[in-house]
Amino acid sequence: MSETLVAPATTAPRDADTAFDELYRSSRDDVYAYAAGLLRDRAAAEDVTATAFERAYRKRSRFDPSRGNRRAWLFGIARNAALDELRRRSRQAKLVSDPIDATSLDAERSERRLVLVDALGRLDGSERELIALKFFAGLANAEIAAVLKISESNAGTKLHRVVAKLREVCDGAL
């Protein structure tokens, strides 16, 4: 019995669960970073991340590769979960500002962080979402375009404008 009756693992077909497992492992931290950047609340970001992956798992068989890659599909689901959370929050009382632990940072970093937090707070929701997708989730412009359902050049242009706006606000405050 020197012949193998089972195909090696490398030639076995990938099923939806294996693909989902790989997507989860490669994207969980980025989805959380995106949600945390957009919501500015760690606990809510954890809930949104869990909700996004739960929705994606339930819908995994409906993924259509002709409409984009799995990562962009997942961030579309995460975006909807985050927007649901923002809508839920709008019906509740809002904090005056985000709590910041300035004691853990040195004075210069603390000042820069306060300026950046203030600048991010001046952005509208769609602008803050662009920043979260690009810098917190680490998505490429093509992936951002797929998530937002806009062209890649439009995503790049919008992102450039938002970053310029942030720079202007931060430079004026320092």
C-alpha atoms as a PDB file:
ATOM      1  CA  MET A   1       0.000   0.000   0.000  1.00  0.00           C
ATOM      2  CA  SER A   2       2.402   2.655  -1.118  1.00  0.00           C
ATOM      3  CA  GLU A   3      -0.201   4.597  -3.117  1.00  0.00           C
ATOM      4  CA  THR A   4      -2.056   7.497  -1.619  1.00  0.00           C
ATOM      5  CA  LEU A   5      -5.824   7.267  -1.795  1.00  0.00           C
ATOM      6  CA  VAL A   6      -6.452  10.828  -0.648  1.00  0.00           C
ATOM      7  CA  ALA A   7      -5.425  13.925  -2.546  1.00  0.00           C
ATOM      8  CA  PRO A   8      -2.829  16.094  -0.828  1.00  0.00           C
ATOM      9  CA  ALA A   9      -4.210  19.038   1.112  1.00  0.00           C
ATOM     10  CA  THR A  10      -2.793  21.505  -1.391  1.00  0.00           C
ATOM     11  CA  THR A  11      -5.041  20.178  -4.152  1.00  0.00           C
ATOM     12  CA  ALA A  12      -8.189  19.815  -2.062  1.00  0.00           C
ATOM     13  CA  PRO A  13     -10.914  22.311  -2.987  1.00  0.00           C
ATOM     14  CA  ARG A  14     -11.368  25.293  -0.685  1.00  0.00           C
ATOM     15  CA  ASP A  15     -14.813  25.554   0.776  1.00  0.00           C
ATOM     16  CA  ALA A  16     -16.644  28.653   1.993  1.00  0.00           C
ATOM     17  CA  ASP A  17     -15.731  27.969   5.639  1.00  0.00           C
ATOM     18  CA  THR A  18     -12.009  27.777   4.908  1.00  0.00           C
ATOM     19  CA  ALA A  19     -12.157  30.978   2.877  1.00  0.00           C
ATOM     20  CA  PHE A  20     -14.081  32.687   5.671  1.00  0.00           C
ATOM     21  CA  ASP A  21     -11.562  31.504   8.265  1.00  0.00           C
ATOM     22  CA  GLU A  22      -8.721  32.993   6.214  1.00  0.00           C
ATOM     23  CA  LEU A  23     -10.662  36.233   5.760  1.00  0.00           C
ATOM     24  CA  TYR A  24     -11.305  36.449   9.493  1.00  0.00           C
ATOM     25  CA  ARG A  25      -7.678  35.839  10.435  1.00  0.00           C
ATOM     26  CA  SER A  26      -6.329  38.354   7.926  1.00  0.00           C
ATOM     27  CA  SER A  27      -8.916  41.100   8.529  1.00  0.00           C
ATOM     28  CA  ARG A  28     -10.119  41.033  12.139  1.00  0.00           C
ATOM     29  CA  ASP A  29      -7.624  43.612  13.413  1.00  0.00           C
ATOM     30  CA  ASP A  30      -8.259  45.912  10.445  1.00  0.00           C
ATOM     31  CA  VAL A  31     -12.039  45.728  10.852  1.00  0.00           C
ATOM     32  CA  TYR A  32     -11.669  46.555  14.542  1.00  0.00           C
ATOM     33  CA  ALA A  33      -9.308  49.468  13.780  1.00  0.00           C
ATOM     34  CA  TYR A  34     -11.756  50.799  11.207  1.00  0.00           C
ATOM     35  CA  ALA A  35     -14.691  50.582  13.622  1.00  0.00           C
ATOM     36  CA  ALA A  36     -12.683  52.096  16.488  1.00  0.00           C
ATOM     37  CA  GLY A  37     -11.535  54.968  14.300  1.00  0.00           C
ATOM     38  CA  LEU A  38     -15.022  55.663  13.048  1.00  0.00           C
ATOM     39  CA  LEU A  39     -16.852  55.235  16.352  1.00  0.00           C
ATOM     40  CA  ARG A  40     -14.090  56.425  18.709  1.00  0.00           C
ATOM     41  CA  ASP A  41     -15.261  53.899  21.295  1.00  0.00           C
ATOM     42  CA  ARG A  42     -13.397  50.634  21.896  1.00  0.00           C
ATOM     43  CA  ALA A  43     -16.326  48.706  23.356  1.00  0.00           C
ATOM     44  CA  ALA A  44     -18.635  49.724  20.515  1.00  0.00           C
ATOM     45  CA  ALA A  45     -15.888  48.855  18.005  1.00  0.00           C
ATOM     46  CA  GLU A  46     -15.641  45.358  19.484  1.00  0.00           C
ATOM     47  CA  ASP A  47     -19.414  44.947  19.161  1.00  0.00           C
ATOM     48  CA  VAL A  48     -19.423  46.229  15.585  1.00  0.00           C
ATOM     49  CA  THR A  49     -16.534  43.930  14.662  1.00  0.00           C
ATOM     50  CA  ALA A  50     -18.351  40.921  16.100  1.00  0.00           C
ATOM     51  CA  THR A  51     -21.564  41.920  14.340  1.00  0.00           C
ATOM     52  CA  ALA A  52     -19.777  42.396  11.023  1.00  0.00           C
ATOM     53  CA  PHE A  53     -18.131  38.982  11.132  1.00  0.00           C
ATOM     54  CA  GLU A  54     -21.330  37.321  12.270  1.00  0.00           C
ATOM     55  CA  ARG A  55     -23.229  38.881   9.346  1.00  0.00           C
ATOM     56  CA  ALA A  56     -20.432  37.981   6.936  1.00  0.00           C
ATOM     57  CA  TYR A  57     -20.409  34.385   8.167  1.00  0.00           C
ATOM     58  CA  ARG A  58     -24.152  34.057   7.650  1.00  0.00           C
ATOM     59  CA  LYS A  59     -23.862  35.555   4.152  1.00  0.00           C
ATOM     60  CA  ARG A  60     -20.604  33.854   3.137  1.00  0.00           C
ATOM     61  CA  SER A  61     -22.249  31.686   0.495  1.00  0.00           C
ATOM     62  CA  ARG A  62     -23.642  34.820  -1.212  1.00  0.00           C
ATOM     63  CA  PHE A  63     -20.206  36.366  -1.846  1.00  0.00           C
ATOM     64  CA  ASP A  64     -19.864  37.223  -5.537  1.00  0.00           C
ATOM     65  CA  PRO A  65     -16.222  37.522  -6.693  1.00  0.00           C
ATOM     66  CA  SER A  66     -17.312  39.392  -9.825  1.00  0.00           C
ATOM     67  CA  ARG A  67     -18.339  42.341  -7.613  1.00  0.00           C
ATOM     68  CA  GLY A  68     -14.968  42.679  -5.829  1.00  0.00           C
ATOM     69  CA  ASN A  69     -12.647  40.895  -3.441  1.00  0.00           C
ATOM     70  CA  ARG A  70     -13.646  39.326  -0.127  1.00  0.00           C
ATOM     71  CA  ARG A  71     -11.929  42.025   1.913  1.00  0.00           C
ATOM     72  CA  ALA A  72     -13.911  44.846   0.269  1.00  0.00           C
ATOM     73  CA  TRP A  73     -17.102  42.781   0.689  1.00  0.00           C
ATOM     74  CA  LEU A  74     -16.324  42.354   4.391  1.00  0.00           C
ATOM     75  CA  PHE A  75     -15.649  46.070   4.878  1.00  0.00           C
ATOM     76  CA  GLY A  76     -18.966  46.847   3.199  1.00  0.00           C
ATOM     77  CA  ILE A  77     -20.647  44.702   5.847  1.00  0.00           C
ATOM     78  CA  ALA A  78     -18.549  46.305   8.600  1.00  0.00           C
ATOM     79  CA  ARG A  79     -19.471  49.752   7.297  1.00  0.00           C
ATOM     80  CA  ASN A  80     -23.168  48.921   7.512  1.00  0.00           C
ATOM     81  CA  ALA A  81     -22.737  47.592  11.054  1.00  0.00           C
ATOM     82  CA  ALA A  82     -20.848  50.756  12.070  1.00  0.00           C
ATOM     83  CA  LEU A  83     -23.492  52.984  10.497  1.00  0.00           C
ATOM     84  CA  ASP A  84     -26.173  51.036  12.384  1.00  0.00           C
ATOM     85  CA  GLU A  85     -24.262  51.768  15.596  1.00  0.00           C
ATOM     86  CA  LEU A  86     -23.941  55.463  14.728  1.00  0.00           C
ATOM     87  CA  ARG A  87     -27.680  55.664  14.052  1.00  0.00           C
ATOM     88  CA  ARG A  88     -28.372  53.945  17.368  1.00  0.00           C
ATOM     89  CA  ARG A  89     -26.086  56.422  19.120  1.00  0.00           C
ATOM     90  CA  SER A  90     -27.747  59.426  17.525  1.00  0.00           C
ATOM     91  CA  ARG A  91     -30.862  58.505  19.445  1.00  0.00           C
ATOM     92  CA  GLN A  92     -28.914  58.638  22.717  1.00  0.00           C
ATOM     93  CA  ALA A  93     -27.125  61.411  24.627  1.00  0.00           C
ATOM     94  CA  LYS A  94     -23.689  62.318  23.282  1.00  0.00           C
ATOM     95  CA  LEU A  95     -20.421  62.856  25.140  1.00  0.00           C
ATOM     96  CA  VAL A  96     -19.030  66.367  25.058  1.00  0.00           C
ATOM     97  CA  SER A  97     -15.610  64.939  24.160  1.00  0.00           C
ATOM     98  CA  ASP A  98     -13.730  61.670  24.083  1.00  0.00           C
ATOM     99  CA  PRO A  99     -11.951  60.677  27.286  1.00  0.00           C
ATOM    100  CA  ILE A 100      -8.192  60.883  26.818  1.00  0.00           C
ATOM    101  CA  ASP A 101      -5.523  59.464  29.077  1.00  0.00           C
ATOM    102  CA  ALA A 102      -2.990  62.285  28.756  1.00  0.00           C
ATOM    103  CA  THR A 103      -0.917  61.070  31.718  1.00  0.00           C
ATOM    104  CA  SER A 104       0.453  58.164  29.701  1.00  0.00           C
ATOM    105  CA  LEU A 105       1.861  60.443  26.999  1.00  0.00           C
ATOM    106  CA  ASP A 106       4.584  63.021  27.200  1.00  0.00           C
ATOM    107  CA  ALA A 107       3.499  66.650  26.868  1.00  0.00           C
ATOM    108  CA  GLU A 108       4.315  67.132  23.177  1.00  0.00           C
ATOM    109  CA  ARG A 109       2.665  63.892  22.062  1.00  0.00           C
ATOM    110  CA  SER A 110      -0.291  64.665  24.289  1.00  0.00           C
ATOM    111  CA  GLU A 111      -0.728  68.084  22.691  1.00  0.00           C
ATOM    112  CA  ARG A 112      -0.454  66.644  19.178  1.00  0.00           C
ATOM    113  CA  ARG A 113      -2.958  63.954  20.027  1.00  0.00           C
ATOM    114  CA  LEU A 114      -5.409  66.499  21.424  1.00  0.00           C
ATOM    115  CA  VAL A 115      -5.061  68.576  18.262  1.00  0.00           C
ATOM    116  CA  LEU A 116      -5.615  65.516  16.066  1.00  0.00           C
ATOM    117  CA  VAL A 117      -8.623  64.359  18.111  1.00  0.00           C
ATOM    118  CA  ASP A 118     -10.087  67.863  17.805  1.00  0.00           C
ATOM    119  CA  ALA A 119      -9.399  67.916  14.051  1.00  0.00           C
ATOM    120  CA  LEU A 120     -11.014  64.502  13.589  1.00  0.00           C
ATOM    121  CA  GLY A 121     -13.993  65.737  15.574  1.00  0.00           C
ATOM    122  CA  ARG A 122     -14.452  68.574  13.081  1.00  0.00           C
ATOM    123  CA  LEU A 123     -14.823  66.164  10.179  1.00  0.00           C
ATOM    124  CA  ASP A 124     -18.259  65.081   9.118  1.00  0.00           C
ATOM    125  CA  GLY A 125     -19.178  61.396   9.223  1.00  0.00           C
ATOM    126  CA  SER A 126     -18.242  60.589   5.636  1.00  0.00           C
ATOM    127  CA  GLU A 127     -14.855  62.309   5.987  1.00  0.00           C
ATOM    128  CA  ARG A 128     -14.116  60.474   9.241  1.00  0.00           C
ATOM    129  CA  GLU A 129     -15.108  57.218   7.548  1.00  0.00           C
ATOM    130  CA  LEU A 130     -12.573  57.795   4.760  1.00  0.00           C
ATOM    131  CA  ILE A 131      -9.825  58.378   7.330  1.00  0.00           C
ATOM    132  CA  ALA A 132     -10.855  55.259   9.242  1.00  0.00           C
ATOM    133  CA  LEU A 133     -10.879  53.086   6.118  1.00  0.00           C
ATOM    134  CA  LYS A 134      -7.503  54.347   4.903  1.00  0.00           C
ATOM    135  CA  PHE A 135      -5.449  54.800   8.052  1.00  0.00           C
ATOM    136  CA  PHE A 136      -7.099  52.653  10.714  1.00  0.00           C
ATOM    137  CA  ALA A 137      -8.157  49.715   8.532  1.00  0.00           C
ATOM    138  CA  GLY A 138      -5.279  50.089   6.069  1.00  0.00           C
ATOM    139  CA  LEU A 139      -7.377  49.661   2.926  1.00  0.00           C
ATOM    140  CA  ALA A 140      -6.065  50.568  -0.502  1.00  0.00           C
ATOM    141  CA  ASN A 141      -7.934  53.191  -2.512  1.00  0.00           C
ATOM    142  CA  ALA A 142      -9.421  50.470  -4.740  1.00  0.00           C
ATOM    143  CA  GLU A 143     -10.794  48.677  -1.668  1.00  0.00           C
ATOM    144  CA  ILE A 144     -12.164  51.947  -0.259  1.00  0.00           C
ATOM    145  CA  ALA A 145     -13.861  52.584  -3.600  1.00  0.00           C
ATOM    146  CA  ALA A 146     -15.461  49.140  -3.505  1.00  0.00           C
ATOM    147  CA  VAL A 147     -16.693  49.644   0.067  1.00  0.00           C
ATOM    148  CA  LEU A 148     -18.151  53.086  -0.675  1.00  0.00           C
ATOM    149  CA  LYS A 149     -19.347  52.108  -4.167  1.00  0.00           C
ATOM    150  CA  ILE A 150     -17.498  54.956  -5.883  1.00  0.00           C
ATOM    151  CA  SER A 151     -14.699  55.018  -8.456  1.00  0.00           C
ATOM    152  CA  GLU A 152     -11.117  54.539  -7.328  1.00  0.00           C
ATOM    153  CA  SER A 153     -10.119  57.994  -8.570  1.00  0.00           C
ATOM    154  CA  ASN A 154     -13.044  59.542  -6.699  1.00  0.00           C
ATOM    155  CA  ALA A 155     -11.973  57.739  -3.521  1.00  0.00           C
ATOM    156  CA  GLY A 156      -8.417  59.042  -3.955  1.00  0.00           C
ATOM    157  CA  THR A 157      -9.609  62.591  -4.587  1.00  0.00           C
ATOM    158  CA  LYS A 158     -11.924  62.602  -1.571  1.00  0.00           C
ATOM    159  CA  LEU A 159      -9.204  61.131   0.613  1.00  0.00           C
ATOM    160  CA  HIS A 160      -6.688  63.734  -0.552  1.00  0.00           C
ATOM    161  CA  ARG A 161      -9.127  66.543   0.291  1.00  0.00           C
ATOM    162  CA  VAL A 162      -9.870  65.156   3.753  1.00  0.00           C
ATOM    163  CA  VAL A 163      -6.173  64.740   4.577  1.00  0.00           C
ATOM    164  CA  ALA A 164      -5.504  68.307   3.392  1.00  0.00           C
ATOM    165  CA  LYS A 165      -8.343  69.519   5.606  1.00  0.00           C
ATOM    166  CA  LEU A 166      -6.887  67.668   8.599  1.00  0.00           C
ATOM    167  CA  ARG A 167      -3.421  69.109   7.923  1.00  0.00           C
ATOM    168  CA  GLU A 168      -4.811  72.614   7.727  1.00  0.00           C
ATOM    169  CA  VAL A 169      -6.669  72.284  11.016  1.00  0.00           C
ATOM    170  CA  CYS A 170      -3.694  70.654  12.771  1.00  0.00           C
ATOM    171  CA  ASP A 171      -1.138  73.151  11.413  1.00  0.00           C
ATOM    172  CA  GLY A 172      -3.331  76.053  12.470  1.00  0.00           C
ATOM    173  CA  ALA A 173      -3.633  74.690  16.009  1.00  0.00           C
ATOM    174  CA  LEU A 174       0.067  74.025  16.627  1.00  0.00           C
END
